[in-house]
Amino acid sequence: MMAVWDDREYGPQVVRSLHSTRRDFRRVWPWLARAVEQYGPTHTMDGVWSRIANGDSQLWTNQHSAVVTSVERYPDTGLVEVHGWLAGGVLDGVRHLEGCVERWARSIGAARIMIVGRRGWLRGFDGYRELVTTMTKDLT
């Protein structure tokens, strides 16, 4: 039997079984793994899945793209921020998912979304601005 994609986006706004989410995660992991490989050994498949499965992160998918987010709540100020910290697949698909993430972020009272990615991605997302520069120095 062949699986057929139904053209819907999936994220925390859609109630799905953990088994279904795991199956979708396995499908999109090759795209996410390429993004991880660009930045060094920061995450493993099991580690990312663990964050999604225990509710610390959210998985957003469509036919050709995936995004992983997490919610940061700053207790001193009450600011709620959604972090897009891992994405892969086709840029147009990621852009479409960003719209879904934005609607969901508004629904949970988030004040902003922060996307971590390559500088070139800034051109692909309307309404975003560069906020900080991240510098890294390899010590090994």
C-alpha atoms as a PDB file:
ATOM      1  CA  MET A   1       0.000   0.000   0.000  1.00  0.00           C
ATOM      2  CA  MET A   2       1.334   3.450  -0.888  1.00  0.00           C
ATOM      3  CA  ALA A   3       0.930   6.452   1.386  1.00  0.00           C
ATOM      4  CA  VAL A   4      -0.693   9.443  -0.286  1.00  0.00           C
ATOM      5  CA  TRP A   5      -0.023  12.954   0.963  1.00  0.00           C
ATOM      6  CA  ASP A   6      -3.180  14.925   1.585  1.00  0.00           C
ATOM      7  CA  ASP A   7      -1.786  18.482   1.085  1.00  0.00           C
ATOM      8  CA  ARG A   8      -2.519  19.570   4.658  1.00  0.00           C
ATOM      9  CA  GLU A   9       0.057  21.118   6.944  1.00  0.00           C
ATOM     10  CA  TYR A  10       0.684  19.410  10.232  1.00  0.00           C
ATOM     11  CA  GLY A  11       1.762  21.021  13.465  1.00  0.00           C
ATOM     12  CA  PRO A  12       0.575  21.296  17.061  1.00  0.00           C
ATOM     13  CA  GLN A  13      -2.698  22.826  15.913  1.00  0.00           C
ATOM     14  CA  VAL A  14      -3.677  19.427  14.438  1.00  0.00           C
ATOM     15  CA  VAL A  15      -4.332  16.657  16.953  1.00  0.00           C
ATOM     16  CA  ARG A  16      -2.458  13.547  15.827  1.00  0.00           C
ATOM     17  CA  SER A  17      -1.292  10.399  17.504  1.00  0.00           C
ATOM     18  CA  LEU A  18       2.327  10.237  18.605  1.00  0.00           C
ATOM     19  CA  HIS A  19       2.737   7.257  16.263  1.00  0.00           C
ATOM     20  CA  SER A  20       1.545   9.317  13.288  1.00  0.00           C
ATOM     21  CA  THR A  21       3.820  12.197  14.277  1.00  0.00           C
ATOM     22  CA  ARG A  22       6.771   9.789  14.613  1.00  0.00           C
ATOM     23  CA  ARG A  23       6.110   8.396  11.138  1.00  0.00           C
ATOM     24  CA  ASP A  24       6.019  11.914   9.695  1.00  0.00           C
ATOM     25  CA  PHE A  25       9.200  12.841  11.581  1.00  0.00           C
ATOM     26  CA  ARG A  26      11.026   9.883  10.028  1.00  0.00           C
ATOM     27  CA  ARG A  27       9.835  11.018   6.591  1.00  0.00           C
ATOM     28  CA  VAL A  28      11.187  14.561   7.006  1.00  0.00           C
ATOM     29  CA  TRP A  29      14.335  13.769   9.010  1.00  0.00           C
ATOM     30  CA  PRO A  30      16.641  13.654   5.937  1.00  0.00           C
ATOM     31  CA  TRP A  31      15.784  17.319   5.244  1.00  0.00           C
ATOM     32  CA  LEU A  32      16.311  18.308   8.868  1.00  0.00           C
ATOM     33  CA  ALA A  33      19.535  16.281   9.060  1.00  0.00           C
ATOM     34  CA  ARG A  34      21.021  18.313   6.201  1.00  0.00           C
ATOM     35  CA  ALA A  35      20.401  21.488   8.191  1.00  0.00           C
ATOM     36  CA  VAL A  36      21.988  19.952  11.302  1.00  0.00           C
ATOM     37  CA  GLU A  37      25.035  18.866   9.287  1.00  0.00           C
ATOM     38  CA  GLN A  38      25.650  22.455   8.133  1.00  0.00           C
ATOM     39  CA  TYR A  39      26.073  23.663  11.706  1.00  0.00           C
ATOM     40  CA  GLY A  40      28.003  20.798  13.224  1.00  0.00           C
ATOM     41  CA  PRO A  41      27.038  18.042  15.627  1.00  0.00           C
ATOM     42  CA  THR A  42      24.367  19.910  17.580  1.00  0.00           C
ATOM     43  CA  HIS A  43      21.458  17.473  17.390  1.00  0.00           C
ATOM     44  CA  THR A  44      20.734  13.833  16.673  1.00  0.00           C
ATOM     45  CA  MET A  45      17.595  12.307  15.240  1.00  0.00           C
ATOM     46  CA  ASP A  46      16.779  10.711  18.608  1.00  0.00           C
ATOM     47  CA  GLY A  47      17.432  13.957  20.463  1.00  0.00           C
ATOM     48  CA  VAL A  48      15.164  16.027  18.228  1.00  0.00           C
ATOM     49  CA  TRP A  49      12.461  13.355  18.367  1.00  0.00           C
ATOM     50  CA  SER A  50      12.680  13.261  22.172  1.00  0.00           C
ATOM     51  CA  ARG A  51      12.046  17.015  22.354  1.00  0.00           C
ATOM     52  CA  ILE A  52       9.009  16.660  20.070  1.00  0.00           C
ATOM     53  CA  ALA A  53       7.638  13.573  21.832  1.00  0.00           C
ATOM     54  CA  ASN A  54       7.840  15.110  25.307  1.00  0.00           C
ATOM     55  CA  GLY A  55       6.255  18.385  24.162  1.00  0.00           C
ATOM     56  CA  ASP A  56       9.328  20.623  24.442  1.00  0.00           C
ATOM     57  CA  SER A  57       9.305  21.234  20.667  1.00  0.00           C
ATOM     58  CA  GLN A  58       6.716  21.209  17.905  1.00  0.00           C
ATOM     59  CA  LEU A  59       6.995  19.537  14.490  1.00  0.00           C
ATOM     60  CA  TRP A  60       5.458  21.280  11.477  1.00  0.00           C
ATOM     61  CA  THR A  61       5.349  19.468   8.143  1.00  0.00           C
ATOM     62  CA  ASN A  62       3.943  19.635   4.670  1.00  0.00           C
ATOM     63  CA  GLN A  63       4.666  17.603   1.557  1.00  0.00           C
ATOM     64  CA  HIS A  64       8.147  19.004   0.897  1.00  0.00           C
ATOM     65  CA  SER A  65       9.297  20.776   4.075  1.00  0.00           C
ATOM     66  CA  ALA A  66       9.551  20.630   7.846  1.00  0.00           C
ATOM     67  CA  VAL A  67      10.105  23.067  10.699  1.00  0.00           C
ATOM     68  CA  VAL A  68      10.802  22.430  14.380  1.00  0.00           C
ATOM     69  CA  THR A  69       9.863  25.119  16.890  1.00  0.00           C
ATOM     70  CA  SER A  70       9.920  25.606  20.634  1.00  0.00           C
ATOM     71  CA  VAL A  71       8.254  28.118  22.918  1.00  0.00           C
ATOM     72  CA  GLU A  72      10.308  30.330  25.206  1.00  0.00           C
ATOM     73  CA  ARG A  73       8.544  32.049  28.105  1.00  0.00           C
ATOM     74  CA  TYR A  74      10.542  34.746  29.861  1.00  0.00           C
ATOM     75  CA  PRO A  75       9.326  34.849  33.483  1.00  0.00           C
ATOM     76  CA  ASP A  76      10.803  38.269  34.287  1.00  0.00           C
ATOM     77  CA  THR A  77       8.871  40.069  31.545  1.00  0.00           C
ATOM     78  CA  GLY A  78       6.147  37.617  30.542  1.00  0.00           C
ATOM     79  CA  LEU A  79       7.326  37.689  26.922  1.00  0.00           C
ATOM     80  CA  VAL A  80       6.372  34.586  24.960  1.00  0.00           C
ATOM     81  CA  GLU A  81       8.507  33.854  21.900  1.00  0.00           C
ATOM     82  CA  VAL A  82       8.324  31.009  19.391  1.00  0.00           C
ATOM     83  CA  HIS A  83      11.738  29.866  18.158  1.00  0.00           C
ATOM     84  CA  GLY A  84      12.078  28.254  14.743  1.00  0.00           C
ATOM     85  CA  TRP A  85      15.342  26.403  15.351  1.00  0.00           C
ATOM     86  CA  LEU A  86      15.434  23.694  12.697  1.00  0.00           C
ATOM     87  CA  ALA A  87      14.031  23.603   9.169  1.00  0.00           C
ATOM     88  CA  GLY A  88      14.589  21.698   5.987  1.00  0.00           C
ATOM     89  CA  GLY A  89      13.159  20.899   2.608  1.00  0.00           C
ATOM     90  CA  VAL A  90      11.971  23.319  -0.051  1.00  0.00           C
ATOM     91  CA  LEU A  91      12.110  27.030   0.865  1.00  0.00           C
ATOM     92  CA  ASP A  92       8.608  27.742  -0.492  1.00  0.00           C
ATOM     93  CA  GLY A  93       7.274  24.963   1.727  1.00  0.00           C
ATOM     94  CA  VAL A  94       9.109  26.334   4.749  1.00  0.00           C
ATOM     95  CA  ARG A  95       7.648  29.783   4.015  1.00  0.00           C
ATOM     96  CA  HIS A  96       4.165  28.293   3.904  1.00  0.00           C
ATOM     97  CA  LEU A  97       4.735  26.558   7.239  1.00  0.00           C
ATOM     98  CA  GLU A  98       5.945  29.865   8.714  1.00  0.00           C
ATOM     99  CA  GLY A  99       2.455  31.236   8.103  1.00  0.00           C
ATOM    100  CA  CYS A 100       0.972  28.299  10.021  1.00  0.00           C
ATOM    101  CA  VAL A 101       3.475  28.799  12.836  1.00  0.00           C
ATOM    102  CA  GLU A 102       2.611  32.507  12.974  1.00  0.00           C
ATOM    103  CA  ARG A 103      -1.119  31.835  13.314  1.00  0.00           C
ATOM    104  CA  TRP A 104      -0.442  29.291  16.062  1.00  0.00           C
ATOM    105  CA  ALA A 105       2.032  31.625  17.822  1.00  0.00           C
ATOM    106  CA  ARG A 106      -0.599  34.360  17.924  1.00  0.00           C
ATOM    107  CA  SER A 107      -3.136  31.890  19.335  1.00  0.00           C
ATOM    108  CA  ILE A 108      -0.853  31.058  22.294  1.00  0.00           C
ATOM    109  CA  GLY A 109      -0.127  34.726  23.010  1.00  0.00           C
ATOM    110  CA  ALA A 110       3.393  34.889  21.578  1.00  0.00           C
ATOM    111  CA  ALA A 111       4.768  38.386  21.049  1.00  0.00           C
ATOM    112  CA  ARG A 112       7.235  37.361  18.353  1.00  0.00           C
ATOM    113  CA  ILE A 113       8.796  34.581  16.321  1.00  0.00           C
ATOM    114  CA  MET A 114      12.546  34.153  16.080  1.00  0.00           C
ATOM    115  CA  ILE A 115      13.980  32.088  13.226  1.00  0.00           C
ATOM    116  CA  VAL A 116      17.518  30.779  13.442  1.00  0.00           C
ATOM    117  CA  GLY A 117      18.994  30.214   9.998  1.00  0.00           C
ATOM    118  CA  ARG A 118      21.342  31.344   7.295  1.00  0.00           C
ATOM    119  CA  ARG A 119      21.462  35.067   6.517  1.00  0.00           C
ATOM    120  CA  GLY A 120      20.181  34.408   2.976  1.00  0.00           C
ATOM    121  CA  TRP A 121      16.894  33.127   4.386  1.00  0.00           C
ATOM    122  CA  LEU A 122      16.098  36.622   5.654  1.00  0.00           C
ATOM    123  CA  ARG A 123      15.220  37.671   2.088  1.00  0.00           C
ATOM    124  CA  GLY A 124      12.659  34.876   1.872  1.00  0.00           C
ATOM    125  CA  PHE A 125      10.522  35.873   4.839  1.00  0.00           C
ATOM    126  CA  ASP A 126       8.394  39.032   4.836  1.00  0.00           C
ATOM    127  CA  GLY A 127       8.249  41.077   8.007  1.00  0.00           C
ATOM    128  CA  TYR A 128      11.433  39.696   9.557  1.00  0.00           C
ATOM    129  CA  ARG A 129      14.526  41.717  10.394  1.00  0.00           C
ATOM    130  CA  GLU A 130      18.009  40.747  11.447  1.00  0.00           C
ATOM    131  CA  LEU A 131      18.182  41.097  15.226  1.00  0.00           C
ATOM    132  CA  VAL A 132      21.542  39.692  16.325  1.00  0.00           C
ATOM    133  CA  THR A 133      24.693  38.253  14.865  1.00  0.00           C
ATOM    134  CA  THR A 134      25.819  34.873  16.106  1.00  0.00           C
ATOM    135  CA  MET A 135      29.528  34.225  16.110  1.00  0.00           C
ATOM    136  CA  THR A 136      31.150  30.858  16.631  1.00  0.00           C
ATOM    137  CA  LYS A 137      34.742  29.754  17.102  1.00  0.00           C
ATOM    138  CA  ASP A 138      35.689  26.096  16.835  1.00  0.00           C
ATOM    139  CA  LEU A 139      37.997  25.024  19.649  1.00  0.00           C
ATOM    140  CA  THR A 140      38.741  21.516  18.417  1.00  0.00           C
END
